Each structure stands twice: as structure tokens, then as C-alpha cells.
Amino acid sequence: MSTQPPSEDPTQQYNQPQGQPPEGGGSNPWPWILGAIAIIVAGVLAAIVITGGNDSSSNTDSSASTPITTVKTKTATSVPTTTQTQTTTAPSNINNTCDVNQVPNTDSGTTVAKVAATNVPASQKYLADCAQASALVRDVARQQVEMPTNVQGFACTPSVKGSYVSYKCTLNGADSPMQINTKFSLTYSS
């Protein structure tokens, strides 16, 4: 057998007239809060109805948009104007065969350097020209490089056969896919 609590009659709780707050309590704020919320909701709904709900971020129907027509006008002036245009060119591939003279520490003092470059931006084409290849060859010959090393930013790998050395020097772009390979051979004097 279970015991149930006695039912309470809400009118017996307060012995005061209807609509009066209990003793010691203040006025109940909930009717005011609920009324304010109802007014806010009604205002939002009214705004949606008035504007037709045309929020540009929620408009997914592209057929409902209206095209905007722009008109360009030209004004004649008595002073001629100049316009500068900047053209960007795609990276290019370069193949050069360069005759290098005055090579130090070599028997003949001359050699041929072959430059094969890929993806060279226009601003860095000088790295694949004959002037750069000649400076690289002379610097390698001056140092008599016989071990892999870096010369002028190029990673140079020698292949030594007696006094005859073949070189492959590679420069890779730091922020681009550029690659420049310079190949040459030197015969060092004894």
C-alpha cells in the first residue's frame, strides 16, 4: 500500500484575497517579462512581413535577382593622358650554350657551359644567361672544386677523372618551381 501526499488546494495556501501577492513578497515580474518577449516577437514578425523576407544572405533563388546595368561615360580633355600597363609573362624555359674564356687553373683557359633552365620567371632570367654561367665556371675553377659544394647558390656536383672534372651545378627556386642546370667540364693544369 502506498501513501500519497495530501492534495493541496492552492487557495488554501494564502489566506488573502484573489490577485494579491503573498505577504512579504513583491510584485511578480513574470507577466511583464512575458509581455515584453511577446512584443519583441510581434515586432520581428511584422518586420519580416513588411520587408517580404528578402534577406540577401538567405536568397537562394538566382532567377529572382535583378540585373544591374552600369553606364560608363567618357570625358574629353585637352591634356593627353598616358596609361601604364603591366604585363605578366608565364615562366619560360631557357637553353643556352656559353663559351667561357679566361677560366683560371685550367690548361686551355676556355670551356663551354650548357645551361638548361625550366620555369624561369621573367624577373630571374639573368640567372640562366651566359654572364651568370661564366661567373659560375670561373668561381668553380678558382676553387678547384672536387667535392659536392655550393657555389653562388648553385649546388655543384663534380665527377672527377684524373685532372678532368665534369660539373653539374643546379639552382632551385626558393618560392617557385624554377630549376637551372649548368653543365661544364674543366681540365685542371698541374
C-alpha atoms as a PDB file:
ATOM      1  CA  MET A   1       0.000   0.000   0.000  1.00  0.00           C
ATOM      2  CA  SER A   2       1.459   3.297  -0.997  1.00  0.00           C
ATOM      3  CA  THR A   3       0.997   6.540   0.718  1.00  0.00           C
ATOM      4  CA  GLN A   4       0.253   9.620  -1.279  1.00  0.00           C
ATOM      5  CA  PRO A   5       0.817  13.131  -0.079  1.00  0.00           C
ATOM      6  CA  PRO A   6      -2.302  15.038   0.681  1.00  0.00           C
ATOM      7  CA  SER A   7      -3.508  17.158  -2.199  1.00  0.00           C
ATOM      8  CA  GLU A   8      -3.019  20.817  -1.710  1.00  0.00           C
ATOM      9  CA  ASP A   9      -5.523  23.382  -2.635  1.00  0.00           C
ATOM     10  CA  PRO A  10      -3.738  26.483  -3.987  1.00  0.00           C
ATOM     11  CA  THR A  11      -6.389  28.738  -2.479  1.00  0.00           C
ATOM     12  CA  GLN A  12      -5.668  27.423   0.995  1.00  0.00           C
ATOM     13  CA  GLN A  13      -2.027  28.330   0.739  1.00  0.00           C
ATOM     14  CA  TYR A  14      -2.685  32.054   1.089  1.00  0.00           C
ATOM     15  CA  ASN A  15      -5.407  33.462   3.133  1.00  0.00           C
ATOM     16  CA  GLN A  16      -5.551  36.614   1.090  1.00  0.00           C
ATOM     17  CA  PRO A  17      -7.907  37.983  -1.458  1.00  0.00           C
ATOM     18  CA  GLN A  18      -7.553  36.876  -5.096  1.00  0.00           C
ATOM     19  CA  GLY A  19      -4.878  38.774  -7.118  1.00  0.00           C
ATOM     20  CA  GLN A  20      -2.948  39.961  -4.065  1.00  0.00           C
ATOM     21  CA  PRO A  21       0.702  38.896  -3.643  1.00  0.00           C
ATOM     22  CA  PRO A  22       1.648  36.872  -0.579  1.00  0.00           C
ATOM     23  CA  GLU A  23       2.813  38.749   2.463  1.00  0.00           C
ATOM     24  CA  GLY A  24       6.399  39.884   2.444  1.00  0.00           C
ATOM     25  CA  GLY A  25       6.744  39.314  -1.311  1.00  0.00           C
ATOM     26  CA  GLY A  26       6.869  41.946  -4.013  1.00  0.00           C
ATOM     27  CA  SER A  27       5.063  42.062  -7.306  1.00  0.00           C
ATOM     28  CA  ASN A  28       5.555  39.119  -9.682  1.00  0.00           C
ATOM     29  CA  PRO A  29       7.801  40.211 -12.653  1.00  0.00           C
ATOM     30  CA  TRP A  30       6.953  37.289 -14.957  1.00  0.00           C
ATOM     31  CA  PRO A  31       3.882  38.770 -16.598  1.00  0.00           C
ATOM     32  CA  TRP A  32       5.930  41.837 -17.525  1.00  0.00           C
ATOM     33  CA  ILE A  33       8.821  39.741 -18.907  1.00  0.00           C
ATOM     34  CA  LEU A  34       6.489  37.524 -20.952  1.00  0.00           C
ATOM     35  CA  GLY A  35       4.687  40.605 -22.274  1.00  0.00           C
ATOM     36  CA  ALA A  36       7.983  42.169 -23.363  1.00  0.00           C
ATOM     37  CA  ILE A  37       9.020  38.975 -25.165  1.00  0.00           C
ATOM     38  CA  ALA A  38       5.651  38.847 -26.947  1.00  0.00           C
ATOM     39  CA  ILE A  39       6.081  42.450 -28.114  1.00  0.00           C
ATOM     40  CA  ILE A  40       9.609  41.732 -29.443  1.00  0.00           C
ATOM     41  CA  VAL A  41       8.451  38.608 -31.306  1.00  0.00           C
ATOM     42  CA  ALA A  42       5.500  40.516 -32.802  1.00  0.00           C
ATOM     43  CA  GLY A  43       7.886  43.284 -33.946  1.00  0.00           C
ATOM     44  CA  VAL A  44      10.240  40.814 -35.623  1.00  0.00           C
ATOM     45  CA  LEU A  45       7.361  39.063 -37.377  1.00  0.00           C
ATOM     46  CA  ALA A  46       5.969  42.398 -38.530  1.00  0.00           C
ATOM     47  CA  ALA A  47       9.385  43.397 -39.933  1.00  0.00           C
ATOM     48  CA  ILE A  48       9.621  40.119 -41.844  1.00  0.00           C
ATOM     49  CA  VAL A  49       6.135  40.563 -43.279  1.00  0.00           C
ATOM     50  CA  ILE A  50       6.788  44.200 -44.261  1.00  0.00           C
ATOM     51  CA  THR A  51      10.113  43.510 -45.991  1.00  0.00           C
ATOM     52  CA  GLY A  52       8.832  40.329 -47.570  1.00  0.00           C
ATOM     53  CA  GLY A  53      11.648  38.298 -46.019  1.00  0.00           C
ATOM     54  CA  ASN A  54      14.157  39.461 -48.680  1.00  0.00           C
ATOM     55  CA  ASP A  55      17.355  38.813 -46.795  1.00  0.00           C
ATOM     56  CA  SER A  56      20.206  38.823 -49.353  1.00  0.00           C
ATOM     57  CA  SER A  57      22.131  36.135 -47.488  1.00  0.00           C
ATOM     58  CA  SER A  58      19.211  33.697 -47.444  1.00  0.00           C
ATOM     59  CA  ASN A  59      18.046  34.340 -51.017  1.00  0.00           C
ATOM     60  CA  THR A  60      18.918  31.182 -52.921  1.00  0.00           C
ATOM     61  CA  ASP A  61      16.703  31.749 -55.949  1.00  0.00           C
ATOM     62  CA  SER A  62      19.028  33.291 -58.541  1.00  0.00           C
ATOM     63  CA  SER A  63      16.189  33.854 -61.001  1.00  0.00           C
ATOM     64  CA  ALA A  64      14.642  36.415 -58.651  1.00  0.00           C
ATOM     65  CA  SER A  65      17.647  38.725 -58.817  1.00  0.00           C
ATOM     66  CA  THR A  66      17.510  41.845 -60.919  1.00  0.00           C
ATOM     67  CA  PRO A  67      20.480  42.573 -63.209  1.00  0.00           C
ATOM     68  CA  ILE A  68      22.285  45.833 -62.544  1.00  0.00           C
ATOM     69  CA  THR A  69      23.183  47.936 -65.555  1.00  0.00           C
ATOM     70  CA  THR A  70      26.264  50.117 -65.331  1.00  0.00           C
ATOM     71  CA  VAL A  71      26.951  53.010 -67.634  1.00  0.00           C
ATOM     72  CA  LYS A  72      30.494  54.171 -68.395  1.00  0.00           C
ATOM     73  CA  THR A  73      30.978  57.714 -69.523  1.00  0.00           C
ATOM     74  CA  LYS A  74      33.989  59.249 -71.217  1.00  0.00           C
ATOM     75  CA  THR A  75      35.024  62.830 -70.776  1.00  0.00           C
ATOM     76  CA  ALA A  76      37.129  64.579 -73.379  1.00  0.00           C
ATOM     77  CA  THR A  77      40.088  66.517 -72.015  1.00  0.00           C
ATOM     78  CA  SER A  78      42.585  68.772 -73.682  1.00  0.00           C
ATOM     79  CA  VAL A  79      45.514  67.148 -71.825  1.00  0.00           C
ATOM     80  CA  PRO A  80      46.580  63.772 -73.193  1.00  0.00           C
ATOM     81  CA  THR A  81      46.727  61.016 -70.615  1.00  0.00           C
ATOM     82  CA  THR A  82      49.125  58.106 -70.503  1.00  0.00           C
ATOM     83  CA  THR A  83      48.246  54.678 -69.322  1.00  0.00           C
ATOM     84  CA  GLN A  84      50.793  52.261 -67.967  1.00  0.00           C
ATOM     85  CA  THR A  85      50.049  48.606 -68.389  1.00  0.00           C
ATOM     86  CA  GLN A  86      51.806  45.853 -66.574  1.00  0.00           C
ATOM     87  CA  THR A  87      52.040  42.577 -68.394  1.00  0.00           C
ATOM     88  CA  THR A  88      52.872  39.369 -66.678  1.00  0.00           C
ATOM     89  CA  THR A  89      54.532  36.626 -68.620  1.00  0.00           C
ATOM     90  CA  ALA A  90      54.469  32.971 -67.866  1.00  0.00           C
ATOM     91  CA  PRO A  91      57.698  31.371 -66.698  1.00  0.00           C
ATOM     92  CA  SER A  92      59.858  30.319 -69.613  1.00  0.00           C
ATOM     93  CA  ASN A  93      62.342  27.594 -70.413  1.00  0.00           C
ATOM     94  CA  ILE A  94      65.847  28.627 -71.458  1.00  0.00           C
ATOM     95  CA  ASN A  95      68.629  26.703 -73.203  1.00  0.00           C
ATOM     96  CA  ASN A  96      71.983  28.473 -73.666  1.00  0.00           C
ATOM     97  CA  THR A  97      75.383  27.318 -74.858  1.00  0.00           C
ATOM     98  CA  CYS A  98      78.001  29.690 -73.493  1.00  0.00           C
ATOM     99  CA  ASP A  99      81.697  29.996 -74.394  1.00  0.00           C
ATOM    100  CA  VAL A 100      83.622  30.845 -71.238  1.00  0.00           C
ATOM    101  CA  ASN A 101      87.068  32.473 -71.567  1.00  0.00           C
ATOM    102  CA  GLN A 102      89.735  33.280 -69.001  1.00  0.00           C
ATOM    103  CA  VAL A 103      88.992  30.250 -66.824  1.00  0.00           C
ATOM    104  CA  PRO A 104      91.674  30.102 -64.091  1.00  0.00           C
ATOM    105  CA  ASN A 105      93.689  26.966 -63.188  1.00  0.00           C
ATOM    106  CA  THR A 106      92.859  25.194 -66.468  1.00  0.00           C
ATOM    107  CA  ASP A 107      95.025  24.017 -69.361  1.00  0.00           C
ATOM    108  CA  SER A 108      93.148  25.765 -72.158  1.00  0.00           C
ATOM    109  CA  GLY A 109      91.656  28.691 -70.229  1.00  0.00           C
ATOM    110  CA  THR A 110      88.353  28.186 -72.095  1.00  0.00           C
ATOM    111  CA  THR A 111      85.360  25.859 -71.827  1.00  0.00           C
ATOM    112  CA  VAL A 112      81.742  25.534 -72.920  1.00  0.00           C
ATOM    113  CA  ALA A 113      78.915  25.722 -70.388  1.00  0.00           C
ATOM    114  CA  LYS A 114      75.461  24.412 -71.266  1.00  0.00           C
ATOM    115  CA  VAL A 115      72.562  25.991 -69.394  1.00  0.00           C
ATOM    116  CA  ALA A 116      69.153  24.309 -69.294  1.00  0.00           C
ATOM    117  CA  ALA A 117      66.543  26.181 -67.257  1.00  0.00           C
ATOM    118  CA  THR A 118      62.848  25.479 -66.666  1.00  0.00           C
ATOM    119  CA  ASN A 119      60.043  27.619 -65.211  1.00  0.00           C
ATOM    120  CA  VAL A 120      62.189  30.759 -65.055  1.00  0.00           C
ATOM    121  CA  PRO A 121      60.211  33.883 -64.136  1.00  0.00           C
ATOM    122  CA  ALA A 122      60.975  36.971 -66.217  1.00  0.00           C
ATOM    123  CA  SER A 123      62.490  38.696 -63.186  1.00  0.00           C
ATOM    124  CA  GLN A 124      65.087  35.911 -62.762  1.00  0.00           C
ATOM    125  CA  LYS A 125      66.153  35.235 -66.369  1.00  0.00           C
ATOM    126  CA  TYR A 126      69.570  36.716 -65.606  1.00  0.00           C
ATOM    127  CA  LEU A 127      70.310  33.586 -63.527  1.00  0.00           C
ATOM    128  CA  ALA A 128      70.215  31.489 -66.717  1.00  0.00           C
ATOM    129  CA  ASP A 129      72.205  33.808 -69.012  1.00  0.00           C
ATOM    130  CA  CYS A 130      75.805  33.389 -70.194  1.00  0.00           C
ATOM    131  CA  ALA A 131      77.157  36.080 -67.865  1.00  0.00           C
ATOM    132  CA  GLN A 132      75.956  34.112 -64.820  1.00  0.00           C
ATOM    133  CA  ALA A 133      77.233  30.811 -66.271  1.00  0.00           C
ATOM    134  CA  SER A 134      80.676  32.348 -66.967  1.00  0.00           C
ATOM    135  CA  ALA A 135      80.922  33.705 -63.420  1.00  0.00           C
ATOM    136  CA  LEU A 136      79.924  30.296 -62.029  1.00  0.00           C
ATOM    137  CA  VAL A 137      82.500  28.402 -64.147  1.00  0.00           C
ATOM    138  CA  ARG A 138      85.305  30.807 -63.189  1.00  0.00           C
ATOM    139  CA  ASP A 139      84.418  30.609 -59.479  1.00  0.00           C
ATOM    140  CA  VAL A 140      84.362  26.774 -59.545  1.00  0.00           C
ATOM    141  CA  ALA A 141      87.722  26.709 -61.391  1.00  0.00           C
ATOM    142  CA  ARG A 142      89.231  29.249 -58.981  1.00  0.00           C
ATOM    143  CA  GLN A 143      88.266  26.982 -56.030  1.00  0.00           C
ATOM    144  CA  GLN A 144      89.217  23.797 -57.947  1.00  0.00           C
ATOM    145  CA  VAL A 145      86.113  22.129 -56.571  1.00  0.00           C
ATOM    146  CA  GLU A 146      86.419  18.346 -56.392  1.00  0.00           C
ATOM    147  CA  MET A 147      83.720  17.624 -53.776  1.00  0.00           C
ATOM    148  CA  PRO A 148      79.985  18.494 -53.830  1.00  0.00           C
ATOM    149  CA  THR A 149      79.588  22.090 -52.662  1.00  0.00           C
ATOM    150  CA  ASN A 150      77.549  25.275 -53.096  1.00  0.00           C
ATOM    151  CA  VAL A 151      78.952  27.985 -55.355  1.00  0.00           C
ATOM    152  CA  GLN A 152      76.989  31.230 -55.903  1.00  0.00           C
ATOM    153  CA  GLY A 153      73.800  29.496 -54.705  1.00  0.00           C
ATOM    154  CA  PHE A 154      74.228  26.574 -57.125  1.00  0.00           C
ATOM    155  CA  ALA A 155      74.660  23.052 -55.727  1.00  0.00           C
ATOM    156  CA  CYS A 156      77.633  21.787 -57.743  1.00  0.00           C
ATOM    157  CA  THR A 157      78.414  18.091 -58.042  1.00  0.00           C
ATOM    158  CA  PRO A 158      81.736  17.166 -59.680  1.00  0.00           C
ATOM    159  CA  SER A 159      82.673  13.927 -61.395  1.00  0.00           C
ATOM    160  CA  VAL A 160      86.492  13.598 -61.201  1.00  0.00           C
ATOM    161  CA  LYS A 161      88.605  11.531 -63.630  1.00  0.00           C
ATOM    162  CA  GLY A 162      92.231  12.446 -63.062  1.00  0.00           C
ATOM    163  CA  SER A 163      92.712  16.124 -63.906  1.00  0.00           C
ATOM    164  CA  TYR A 164      89.474  16.129 -65.945  1.00  0.00           C
ATOM    165  CA  VAL A 165      86.373  17.134 -63.979  1.00  0.00           C
ATOM    166  CA  SER A 166      82.760  17.324 -65.191  1.00  0.00           C
ATOM    167  CA  TYR A 167      80.355  19.514 -63.230  1.00  0.00           C
ATOM    168  CA  LYS A 168      76.612  19.734 -62.894  1.00  0.00           C
ATOM    169  CA  CYS A 169      75.520  22.782 -60.939  1.00  0.00           C
ATOM    170  CA  THR A 170      71.816  23.152 -60.042  1.00  0.00           C
ATOM    171  CA  LEU A 171      69.873  26.116 -58.705  1.00  0.00           C
ATOM    172  CA  ASN A 172      66.301  25.541 -57.485  1.00  0.00           C
ATOM    173  CA  GLY A 173      63.834  28.385 -56.965  1.00  0.00           C
ATOM    174  CA  ALA A 174      63.058  29.193 -53.350  1.00  0.00           C
ATOM    175  CA  ASP A 175      59.407  30.098 -53.939  1.00  0.00           C
ATOM    176  CA  SER A 176      58.848  28.859 -57.483  1.00  0.00           C
ATOM    177  CA  PRO A 177      59.335  25.628 -59.463  1.00  0.00           C
ATOM    178  CA  MET A 178      62.328  27.202 -61.258  1.00  0.00           C
ATOM    179  CA  GLN A 179      65.344  24.963 -61.879  1.00  0.00           C
ATOM    180  CA  ILE A 180      68.582  25.939 -63.618  1.00  0.00           C
ATOM    181  CA  ASN A 181      71.178  23.297 -64.541  1.00  0.00           C
ATOM    182  CA  THR A 182      74.617  24.369 -65.746  1.00  0.00           C
ATOM    183  CA  LYS A 183      76.946  21.642 -67.063  1.00  0.00           C
ATOM    184  CA  PHE A 184      80.593  22.097 -68.000  1.00  0.00           C
ATOM    185  CA  SER A 185      83.937  20.287 -67.899  1.00  0.00           C
ATOM    186  CA  LEU A 186      87.378  21.516 -66.882  1.00  0.00           C
ATOM    187  CA  THR A 187      90.872  20.109 -67.266  1.00  0.00           C
ATOM    188  CA  TYR A 188      92.988  21.484 -64.466  1.00  0.00           C
ATOM    189  CA  SER A 189      96.622  22.370 -65.072  1.00  0.00           C
ATOM    190  CA  SER A 190      99.179  20.507 -62.999  1.00  0.00           C
END
